[in-house]
Amino acid sequence: MEINVKNNLPLDILFLIRIKANEFKNEGVQEINSRDIKDYLYSIKWRDVETKAMCDVIDDIMSLCFSEVFDYLKMKVIKEASSMNIEDFNDLIAK
């Protein structure tokens, strides 16, 4: 069965993503949630893919490592910070 990964994902796939987020929480990683995992999948794993076999989608989710998502989020924050002005960091700068 093929899944169009550019449209709304089926509920069972969304449930798998939540399971993966809970797996990370059980491993002590509280900061990564299902939204972060979906963002990673859409931006990295499925960036150039329109449709994918359901078994491949499941494998993409279940084989996901914390470090992959963490590295992606780290680069995302760096990109966002590089477009900000120094005034945006005033609350972080000690006076």
PDB file of N, CA and C in Angstrom:
ATOM      1  N   MET A   1       0.840  -1.180   0.000  1.00  0.00           N
ATOM      2  CA  MET A   1       0.000   0.000   0.000  1.00  0.00           C
ATOM      3  C   MET A   1       0.884   1.241   0.000  1.00  0.00           C
ATOM      4  N   GLU A   2       0.582   2.162  -0.876  1.00  0.00           N
ATOM      5  CA  GLU A   2       1.335   3.403  -0.989  1.00  0.00           C
ATOM      6  C   GLU A   2       0.666   4.500  -0.162  1.00  0.00           C
ATOM      7  N   ILE A   3       1.497   5.335   0.438  1.00  0.00           N
ATOM      8  CA  ILE A   3       1.010   6.468   1.220  1.00  0.00           C
ATOM      9  C   ILE A   3       1.547   7.740   0.581  1.00  0.00           C
ATOM     10  N   ASN A   4       0.665   8.706   0.376  1.00  0.00           N
ATOM     11  CA  ASN A   4       1.101  10.006  -0.095  1.00  0.00           C
ATOM     12  C   ASN A   4       1.593  10.786   1.128  1.00  0.00           C
ATOM     13  N   VAL A   5       2.900  10.923   1.265  1.00  0.00           N
ATOM     14  CA  VAL A   5       3.469  11.551   2.455  1.00  0.00           C
ATOM     15  C   VAL A   5       3.359  13.074   2.427  1.00  0.00           C
ATOM     16  N   LYS A   6       2.935  13.625   1.320  1.00  0.00           N
ATOM     17  CA  LYS A   6       2.761  15.079   1.237  1.00  0.00           C
ATOM     18  C   LYS A   6       1.388  15.517   1.754  1.00  0.00           C
ATOM     19  N   ASN A   7       0.441  14.591   1.818  1.00  0.00           N
ATOM     20  CA  ASN A   7      -0.895  14.892   2.342  1.00  0.00           C
ATOM     21  C   ASN A   7      -0.969  14.460   3.799  1.00  0.00           C
ATOM     22  N   ASN A   8      -2.160  14.544   4.358  1.00  0.00           N
ATOM     23  CA  ASN A   8      -2.362  14.115   5.740  1.00  0.00           C
ATOM     24  C   ASN A   8      -2.023  12.639   5.876  1.00  0.00           C
ATOM     25  N   LEU A   9      -1.244  12.330   6.893  1.00  0.00           N
ATOM     26  CA  LEU A   9      -0.863  10.943   7.130  1.00  0.00           C
ATOM     27  C   LEU A   9      -2.034  10.184   7.748  1.00  0.00           C
ATOM     28  N   PRO A  10      -2.139   8.887   7.471  1.00  0.00           N
ATOM     29  CA  PRO A  10      -3.187   8.078   8.102  1.00  0.00           C
ATOM     30  C   PRO A  10      -3.035   8.068   9.622  1.00  0.00           C
ATOM     31  N   LEU A  11      -4.128   7.848  10.304  1.00  0.00           N
ATOM     32  CA  LEU A  11      -4.119   7.871  11.762  1.00  0.00           C
ATOM     33  C   LEU A  11      -3.171   6.839  12.366  1.00  0.00           C
ATOM     34  N   ASP A  12      -3.058   5.677  11.740  1.00  0.00           N
ATOM     35  CA  ASP A  12      -2.162   4.668  12.299  1.00  0.00           C
ATOM     36  C   ASP A  12      -0.694   5.094  12.195  1.00  0.00           C
ATOM     37  N   ILE A  13      -0.357   5.863  11.182  1.00  0.00           N
ATOM     38  CA  ILE A  13       1.020   6.375  11.055  1.00  0.00           C
ATOM     39  C   ILE A  13       1.248   7.479  12.083  1.00  0.00           C
ATOM     40  N   LEU A  14       0.265   8.340  12.275  1.00  0.00           N
ATOM     41  CA  LEU A  14       0.382   9.377  13.310  1.00  0.00           C
ATOM     42  C   LEU A  14       0.525   8.745  14.691  1.00  0.00           C
ATOM     43  N   PHE A  15      -0.179   7.642  14.913  1.00  0.00           N
ATOM     44  CA  PHE A  15      -0.073   6.920  16.179  1.00  0.00           C
ATOM     45  C   PHE A  15       1.346   6.365  16.355  1.00  0.00           C
ATOM     46  N   LEU A  16       1.925   5.836  15.289  1.00  0.00           N
ATOM     47  CA  LEU A  16       3.305   5.327  15.356  1.00  0.00           C
ATOM     48  C   LEU A  16       4.295   6.434  15.710  1.00  0.00           C
ATOM     49  N   ILE A  17       4.060   7.615  15.175  1.00  0.00           N
ATOM     50  CA  ILE A  17       4.933   8.751  15.481  1.00  0.00           C
ATOM     51  C   ILE A  17       4.822   9.103  16.964  1.00  0.00           C
ATOM     52  N   ARG A  18       3.621   9.080  17.505  1.00  0.00           N
ATOM     53  CA  ARG A  18       3.445   9.330  18.945  1.00  0.00           C
ATOM     54  C   ARG A  18       4.118   8.240  19.784  1.00  0.00           C
ATOM     55  N   ILE A  19       4.040   7.001  19.320  1.00  0.00           N
ATOM     56  CA  ILE A  19       4.724   5.903  20.017  1.00  0.00           C
ATOM     57  C   ILE A  19       6.228   6.155  20.036  1.00  0.00           C
ATOM     58  N   LYS A  20       6.773   6.598  18.921  1.00  0.00           N
ATOM     59  CA  LYS A  20       8.212   6.873  18.847  1.00  0.00           C
ATOM     60  C   LYS A  20       8.581   8.002  19.801  1.00  0.00           C
ATOM     61  N   ALA A  21       7.768   9.044  19.871  1.00  0.00           N
ATOM     62  CA  ALA A  21       8.027  10.145  20.798  1.00  0.00           C
ATOM     63  C   ALA A  21       7.998   9.642  22.239  1.00  0.00           C
ATOM     64  N   ASN A  22       7.059   8.762  22.552  1.00  0.00           N
ATOM     65  CA  ASN A  22       6.994   8.180  23.895  1.00  0.00           C
ATOM     66  C   ASN A  22       8.201   7.294  24.174  1.00  0.00           C
ATOM     67  N   GLU A  23       8.669   6.610  23.158  1.00  0.00           N
ATOM     68  CA  GLU A  23       9.886   5.797  23.303  1.00  0.00           C
ATOM     69  C   GLU A  23      11.074   6.688  23.680  1.00  0.00           C
ATOM     70  N   PHE A  24      11.188   7.835  23.024  1.00  0.00           N
ATOM     71  CA  PHE A  24      12.254   8.780  23.367  1.00  0.00           C
ATOM     72  C   PHE A  24      12.100   9.254  24.812  1.00  0.00           C
ATOM     73  N   LYS A  25      10.874   9.549  25.225  1.00  0.00           N
ATOM     74  CA  LYS A  25      10.630   9.989  26.602  1.00  0.00           C
ATOM     75  C   LYS A  25      11.036   8.909  27.606  1.00  0.00           C
ATOM     76  N   ASN A  26      10.725   7.658  27.287  1.00  0.00           N
ATOM     77  CA  ASN A  26      11.103   6.555  28.169  1.00  0.00           C
ATOM     78  C   ASN A  26      12.618   6.380  28.260  1.00  0.00           C
ATOM     79  N   GLU A  27      13.318   6.831  27.229  1.00  0.00           N
ATOM     80  CA  GLU A  27      14.784   6.781  27.227  1.00  0.00           C
ATOM     81  C   GLU A  27      15.389   8.011  27.896  1.00  0.00           C
ATOM     82  N   GLY A  28      14.528   8.923  28.383  1.00  0.00           N
ATOM     83  CA  GLY A  28      14.998  10.106  29.082  1.00  0.00           C
ATOM     84  C   GLY A  28      15.069  11.361  28.238  1.00  0.00           C
ATOM     85  N   VAL A  29      14.604  11.300  27.001  1.00  0.00           N
ATOM     86  CA  VAL A  29      14.614  12.460  26.105  1.00  0.00           C
ATOM     87  C   VAL A  29      13.230  13.093  26.143  1.00  0.00           C
ATOM     88  N   GLN A  30      13.058  14.086  27.008  1.00  0.00           N
ATOM     89  CA  GLN A  30      11.757  14.704  27.217  1.00  0.00           C
ATOM     90  C   GLN A  30      11.447  15.793  26.185  1.00  0.00           C
ATOM     91  N   GLU A  31      12.452  16.316  25.545  1.00  0.00           N
ATOM     92  CA  GLU A  31      12.282  17.515  24.724  1.00  0.00           C
ATOM     93  C   GLU A  31      11.809  17.251  23.299  1.00  0.00           C
ATOM     94  N   ILE A  32      11.866  16.023  22.829  1.00  0.00           N
ATOM     95  CA  ILE A  32      11.454  15.723  21.455  1.00  0.00           C
ATOM     96  C   ILE A  32      10.042  15.158  21.488  1.00  0.00           C
ATOM     97  N   ASN A  33       9.142  15.815  20.751  1.00  0.00           N
ATOM     98  CA  ASN A  33       7.753  15.374  20.721  1.00  0.00           C
ATOM     99  C   ASN A  33       7.380  14.908  19.311  1.00  0.00           C
ATOM    100  N   SER A  34       6.145  14.489  19.146  1.00  0.00           N
ATOM    101  CA  SER A  34       5.709  13.956  17.856  1.00  0.00           C
ATOM    102  C   SER A  34       5.764  15.016  16.757  1.00  0.00           C
ATOM    103  N   ARG A  35       5.538  16.266  17.108  1.00  0.00           N
ATOM    104  CA  ARG A  35       5.621  17.349  16.111  1.00  0.00           C
ATOM    105  C   ARG A  35       7.049  17.484  15.584  1.00  0.00           C
ATOM    106  N   ASP A  36       8.043  17.371  16.478  1.00  0.00           N
ATOM    107  CA  ASP A  36       9.446  17.430  16.057  1.00  0.00           C
ATOM    108  C   ASP A  36       9.793  16.265  15.138  1.00  0.00           C
ATOM    109  N   ILE A  37       9.278  15.090  15.460  1.00  0.00           N
ATOM    110  CA  ILE A  37       9.540  13.915  14.638  1.00  0.00           C
ATOM    111  C   ILE A  37       8.917  14.076  13.259  1.00  0.00           C
ATOM    112  N   LYS A  38       7.666  14.549  13.202  1.00  0.00           N
ATOM    113  CA  LYS A  38       7.022  14.781  11.906  1.00  0.00           C
ATOM    114  C   LYS A  38       7.785  15.819  11.099  1.00  0.00           C
ATOM    115  N   ASP A  39       8.214  16.880  11.744  1.00  0.00           N
ATOM    116  CA  ASP A  39       8.976  17.922  11.063  1.00  0.00           C
ATOM    117  C   ASP A  39      10.252  17.343  10.466  1.00  0.00           C
ATOM    118  N   TYR A  40      10.942  16.510  11.225  1.00  0.00           N
ATOM    119  CA  TYR A  40      12.164  15.860  10.731  1.00  0.00           C
ATOM    120  C   TYR A  40      11.849  14.967   9.528  1.00  0.00           C
ATOM    121  N   LEU A  41      10.819  14.149   9.648  1.00  0.00           N
ATOM    122  CA  LEU A  41      10.474  13.239   8.553  1.00  0.00           C
ATOM    123  C   LEU A  41      10.141  13.995   7.280  1.00  0.00           C
ATOM    124  N   TYR A  42       9.316  15.038   7.393  1.00  0.00           N
ATOM    125  CA  TYR A  42       8.941  15.819   6.206  1.00  0.00           C
ATOM    126  C   TYR A  42      10.125  16.586   5.627  1.00  0.00           C
ATOM    127  N   SER A  43      10.983  17.112   6.480  1.00  0.00           N
ATOM    128  CA  SER A  43      12.085  17.959   6.013  1.00  0.00           C
ATOM    129  C   SER A  43      13.302  17.183   5.550  1.00  0.00           C
ATOM    130  N   ILE A  44      13.525  16.001   6.109  1.00  0.00           N
ATOM    131  CA  ILE A  44      14.736  15.244   5.790  1.00  0.00           C
ATOM    132  C   ILE A  44      14.412  13.942   5.059  1.00  0.00           C
ATOM    133  N   LYS A  45      13.745  13.028   5.708  1.00  0.00           N
ATOM    134  CA  LYS A  45      13.506  11.693   5.139  1.00  0.00           C
ATOM    135  C   LYS A  45      12.603  11.727   3.917  1.00  0.00           C
ATOM    136  N   TRP A  46      11.558  12.529   3.971  1.00  0.00           N
ATOM    137  CA  TRP A  46      10.557  12.526   2.908  1.00  0.00           C
ATOM    138  C   TRP A  46      10.569  13.811   2.086  1.00  0.00           C
ATOM    139  N   ARG A  47      11.650  14.546   2.128  1.00  0.00           N
ATOM    140  CA  ARG A  47      11.726  15.844   1.459  1.00  0.00           C
ATOM    141  C   ARG A  47      11.438  15.744  -0.040  1.00  0.00           C
ATOM    142  N   ASP A  48      12.034  14.787  -0.720  1.00  0.00           N
ATOM    143  CA  ASP A  48      11.885  14.684  -2.167  1.00  0.00           C
ATOM    144  C   ASP A  48      10.980  13.531  -2.589  1.00  0.00           C
ATOM    145  N   VAL A  49      10.131  13.072  -1.665  1.00  0.00           N
ATOM    146  CA  VAL A  49       9.297  11.904  -1.917  1.00  0.00           C
ATOM    147  C   VAL A  49       7.832  12.320  -1.918  1.00  0.00           C
ATOM    148  N   GLU A  50       7.101  11.851  -2.900  1.00  0.00           N
ATOM    149  CA  GLU A  50       5.660  12.126  -2.975  1.00  0.00           C
ATOM    150  C   GLU A  50       4.871  10.979  -2.333  1.00  0.00           C
ATOM    151  N   THR A  51       5.173   9.763  -2.752  1.00  0.00           N
ATOM    152  CA  THR A  51       4.512   8.588  -2.184  1.00  0.00           C
ATOM    153  C   THR A  51       5.575   7.590  -1.735  1.00  0.00           C
ATOM    154  N   LYS A  52       5.179   6.781  -0.771  1.00  0.00           N
ATOM    155  CA  LYS A  52       6.098   5.803  -0.220  1.00  0.00           C
ATOM    156  C   LYS A  52       5.294   4.602   0.252  1.00  0.00           C
ATOM    157  N   ALA A  53       5.874   3.418   0.145  1.00  0.00           N
ATOM    158  CA  ALA A  53       5.202   2.209   0.613  1.00  0.00           C
ATOM    159  C   ALA A  53       5.008   2.296   2.123  1.00  0.00           C
ATOM    160  N   MET A  54       3.875   1.798   2.591  1.00  0.00           N
ATOM    161  CA  MET A  54       3.576   1.882   4.011  1.00  0.00           C
ATOM    162  C   MET A  54       4.667   1.210   4.846  1.00  0.00           C
ATOM    163  N   CYS A  55       5.183   0.089   4.391  1.00  0.00           N
ATOM    164  CA  CYS A  55       6.226  -0.595   5.155  1.00  0.00           C
ATOM    165  C   CYS A  55       7.482   0.266   5.261  1.00  0.00           C
ATOM    166  N   ASP A  56       7.786   1.055   4.226  1.00  0.00           N
ATOM    167  CA  ASP A  56       8.943   1.956   4.278  1.00  0.00           C
ATOM    168  C   ASP A  56       8.697   3.131   5.222  1.00  0.00           C
ATOM    169  N   VAL A  57       7.472   3.630   5.238  1.00  0.00           N
ATOM    170  CA  VAL A  57       7.109   4.718   6.156  1.00  0.00           C
ATOM    171  C   VAL A  57       7.241   4.233   7.594  1.00  0.00           C
ATOM    172  N   ILE A  58       6.731   3.041   7.857  1.00  0.00           N
ATOM    173  CA  ILE A  58       6.834   2.457   9.198  1.00  0.00           C
ATOM    174  C   ILE A  58       8.292   2.262   9.578  1.00  0.00           C
ATOM    175  N   ASP A  59       9.094   1.763   8.652  1.00  0.00           N
ATOM    176  CA  ASP A  59      10.525   1.561   8.911  1.00  0.00           C
ATOM    177  C   ASP A  59      11.228   2.889   9.181  1.00  0.00           C
ATOM    178  N   ASP A  60      10.885   3.932   8.429  1.00  0.00           N
ATOM    179  CA  ASP A  60      11.475   5.261   8.655  1.00  0.00           C
ATOM    180  C   ASP A  60      11.207   5.739  10.084  1.00  0.00           C
ATOM    181  N   ILE A  61      10.011   5.504  10.558  1.00  0.00           N
ATOM    182  CA  ILE A  61       9.632   5.965  11.897  1.00  0.00           C
ATOM    183  C   ILE A  61      10.282   5.117  12.977  1.00  0.00           C
ATOM    184  N   MET A  62      10.147   3.808  12.851  1.00  0.00           N
ATOM    185  CA  MET A  62      10.601   2.922  13.920  1.00  0.00           C
ATOM    186  C   MET A  62      12.129   2.833  14.006  1.00  0.00           C
ATOM    187  N   SER A  63      12.833   3.084  12.920  1.00  0.00           N
ATOM    188  CA  SER A  63      14.293   3.024  12.949  1.00  0.00           C
ATOM    189  C   SER A  63      14.933   4.360  13.318  1.00  0.00           C
ATOM    190  N   LEU A  64      14.113   5.360  13.552  1.00  0.00           N
ATOM    191  CA  LEU A  64      14.584   6.703  13.860  1.00  0.00           C
ATOM    192  C   LEU A  64      15.341   6.745  15.184  1.00  0.00           C
ATOM    193  N   CYS A  65      16.511   7.347  15.168  1.00  0.00           N
ATOM    194  CA  CYS A  65      17.326   7.493  16.372  1.00  0.00           C
ATOM    195  C   CYS A  65      17.181   8.913  16.914  1.00  0.00           C
ATOM    196  N   PHE A  66      17.291   9.022  18.215  1.00  0.00           N
ATOM    197  CA  PHE A  66      17.220  10.322  18.871  1.00  0.00           C
ATOM    198  C   PHE A  66      18.233  11.286  18.274  1.00  0.00           C
ATOM    199  N   SER A  67      19.446  10.798  18.023  1.00  0.00           N
ATOM    200  CA  SER A  67      20.514  11.677  17.540  1.00  0.00           C
ATOM    201  C   SER A  67      20.183  12.298  16.185  1.00  0.00           C
ATOM    202  N   GLU A  68      19.462  11.578  15.321  1.00  0.00           N
ATOM    203  CA  GLU A  68      19.076  12.123  14.022  1.00  0.00           C
ATOM    204  C   GLU A  68      18.151  13.324  14.196  1.00  0.00           C
ATOM    205  N   VAL A  69      17.157  13.166  15.040  1.00  0.00           N
ATOM    206  CA  VAL A  69      16.196  14.251  15.269  1.00  0.00           C
ATOM    207  C   VAL A  69      16.880  15.405  15.991  1.00  0.00           C
ATOM    208  N   PHE A  70      17.719  15.088  16.977  1.00  0.00           N
ATOM    209  CA  PHE A  70      18.426  16.125  17.719  1.00  0.00           C
ATOM    210  C   PHE A  70      19.324  16.946  16.801  1.00  0.00           C
ATOM    211  N   ASP A  71      20.087  16.282  15.926  1.00  0.00           N
ATOM    212  CA  ASP A  71      20.957  17.005  14.994  1.00  0.00           C
ATOM    213  C   ASP A  71      20.146  17.896  14.064  1.00  0.00           C
ATOM    214  N   TYR A  72      19.002  17.400  13.604  1.00  0.00           N
ATOM    215  CA  TYR A  72      18.136  18.202  12.744  1.00  0.00           C
ATOM    216  C   TYR A  72      17.628  19.437  13.487  1.00  0.00           C
ATOM    217  N   LEU A  73      17.147  19.244  14.711  1.00  0.00           N
ATOM    218  CA  LEU A  73      16.632  20.374  15.489  1.00  0.00           C
ATOM    219  C   LEU A  73      17.721  21.377  15.812  1.00  0.00           C
ATOM    220  N   LYS A  74      18.925  20.888  16.067  1.00  0.00           N
ATOM    221  CA  LYS A  74      20.050  21.768  16.352  1.00  0.00           C
ATOM    222  C   LYS A  74      20.354  22.658  15.140  1.00  0.00           C
ATOM    223  N   MET A  75      20.383  22.051  13.955  1.00  0.00           N
ATOM    224  CA  MET A  75      20.643  22.840  12.739  1.00  0.00           C
ATOM    225  C   MET A  75      19.503  23.818  12.456  1.00  0.00           C
ATOM    226  N   LYS A  76      18.280  23.415  12.753  1.00  0.00           N
ATOM    227  CA  LYS A  76      17.124  24.294  12.550  1.00  0.00           C
ATOM    228  C   LYS A  76      17.231  25.534  13.437  1.00  0.00           C
ATOM    229  N   VAL A  77      17.619  25.351  14.685  1.00  0.00           N
ATOM    230  CA  VAL A  77      17.768  26.467  15.617  1.00  0.00           C
ATOM    231  C   VAL A  77      18.900  27.387  15.165  1.00  0.00           C
ATOM    232  N   ILE A  78      19.993  26.812  14.701  1.00  0.00           N
ATOM    233  CA  ILE A  78      21.124  27.623  14.231  1.00  0.00           C
ATOM    234  C   ILE A  78      20.703  28.461  13.028  1.00  0.00           C
ATOM    235  N   LYS A  79      19.965  27.865  12.094  1.00  0.00           N
ATOM    236  CA  LYS A  79      19.489  28.615  10.923  1.00  0.00           C
ATOM    237  C   LYS A  79      18.550  29.746  11.337  1.00  0.00           C
ATOM    238  N   GLU A  80      17.649  29.459  12.265  1.00  0.00           N
ATOM    239  CA  GLU A  80      16.718  30.492  12.726  1.00  0.00           C
ATOM    240  C   GLU A  80      17.461  31.612  13.447  1.00  0.00           C
ATOM    241  N   ALA A  81      18.437  31.261  14.256  1.00  0.00           N
ATOM    242  CA  ALA A  81      19.192  32.261  15.012  1.00  0.00           C
ATOM    243  C   ALA A  81      20.047  33.129  14.096  1.00  0.00           C
ATOM    244  N   SER A  82      20.530  32.561  13.008  1.00  0.00           N
ATOM    245  CA  SER A  82      21.395  33.336  12.110  1.00  0.00           C
ATOM    246  C   SER A  82      20.636  34.445  11.396  1.00  0.00           C
ATOM    247  N   SER A  83      19.327  34.344  11.317  1.00  0.00           N
ATOM    248  CA  SER A  83      18.543  35.384  10.648  1.00  0.00           C
ATOM    249  C   SER A  83      17.990  36.424  11.630  1.00  0.00           C
ATOM    250  N   MET A  84      18.325  36.281  12.902  1.00  0.00           N
ATOM    251  CA  MET A  84      17.822  37.205  13.917  1.00  0.00           C
ATOM    252  C   MET A  84      18.812  38.340  14.156  1.00  0.00           C
ATOM    253  N   ASN A  85      18.315  39.414  14.748  1.00  0.00           N
ATOM    254  CA  ASN A  85      19.157  40.549  15.108  1.00  0.00           C
ATOM    255  C   ASN A  85      19.691  40.348  16.518  1.00  0.00           C
ATOM    256  N   ILE A  86      20.758  41.044  16.852  1.00  0.00           N
ATOM    257  CA  ILE A  86      21.353  40.935  18.180  1.00  0.00           C
ATOM    258  C   ILE A  86      20.364  41.356  19.266  1.00  0.00           C
ATOM    259  N   GLU A  87      19.454  42.263  18.941  1.00  0.00           N
ATOM    260  CA  GLU A  87      18.471  42.715  19.918  1.00  0.00           C
ATOM    261  C   GLU A  87      17.530  41.578  20.336  1.00  0.00           C
ATOM    262  N   ASP A  88      17.365  40.609  19.478  1.00  0.00           N
ATOM    263  CA  ASP A  88      16.508  39.472  19.797  1.00  0.00           C
ATOM    264  C   ASP A  88      17.092  38.601  20.917  1.00  0.00           C
ATOM    265  N   PHE A  89      18.381  38.796  21.192  1.00  0.00           N
ATOM    266  CA  PHE A  89      19.065  37.989  22.202  1.00  0.00           C
ATOM    267  C   PHE A  89      19.318  38.769  23.497  1.00  0.00           C
ATOM    268  N   ASN A  90      18.740  39.937  23.628  1.00  0.00           N
ATOM    269  CA  ASN A  90      18.978  40.764  24.810  1.00  0.00           C
ATOM    270  C   ASN A  90      18.679  40.044  26.114  1.00  0.00           C
ATOM    271  N   ASP A  91      17.637  39.232  26.131  1.00  0.00           N
ATOM    272  CA  ASP A  91      17.291  38.541  27.373  1.00  0.00           C
ATOM    273  C   ASP A  91      18.303  37.449  27.729  1.00  0.00           C
ATOM    274  N   LEU A  92      19.138  37.054  26.791  1.00  0.00           N
ATOM    275  CA  LEU A  92      20.163  36.047  27.058  1.00  0.00           C
ATOM    276  C   LEU A  92      21.506  36.661  27.437  1.00  0.00           C
ATOM    277  N   ILE A  93      21.687  37.940  27.116  1.00  0.00           N
ATOM    278  CA  ILE A  93      22.952  38.615  27.355  1.00  0.00           C
ATOM    279  C   ILE A  93      22.935  39.217  28.752  1.00  0.00           C
ATOM    280  N   ALA A  94      23.925  38.860  29.537  1.00  0.00           N
ATOM    281  CA  ALA A  94      24.022  39.415  30.913  1.00  0.00           C
ATOM    282  C   ALA A  94      24.376  40.889  30.842  1.00  0.00           C
ATOM    283  N   LYS A  95      23.769  41.643  31.755  1.00  0.00           N
ATOM    284  CA  LYS A  95      24.031  43.086  31.774  1.00  0.00           C
ATOM    285  C   LYS A  95      24.951  43.423  32.915  1.00  0.00           C
TER     286      LYS A  95
END
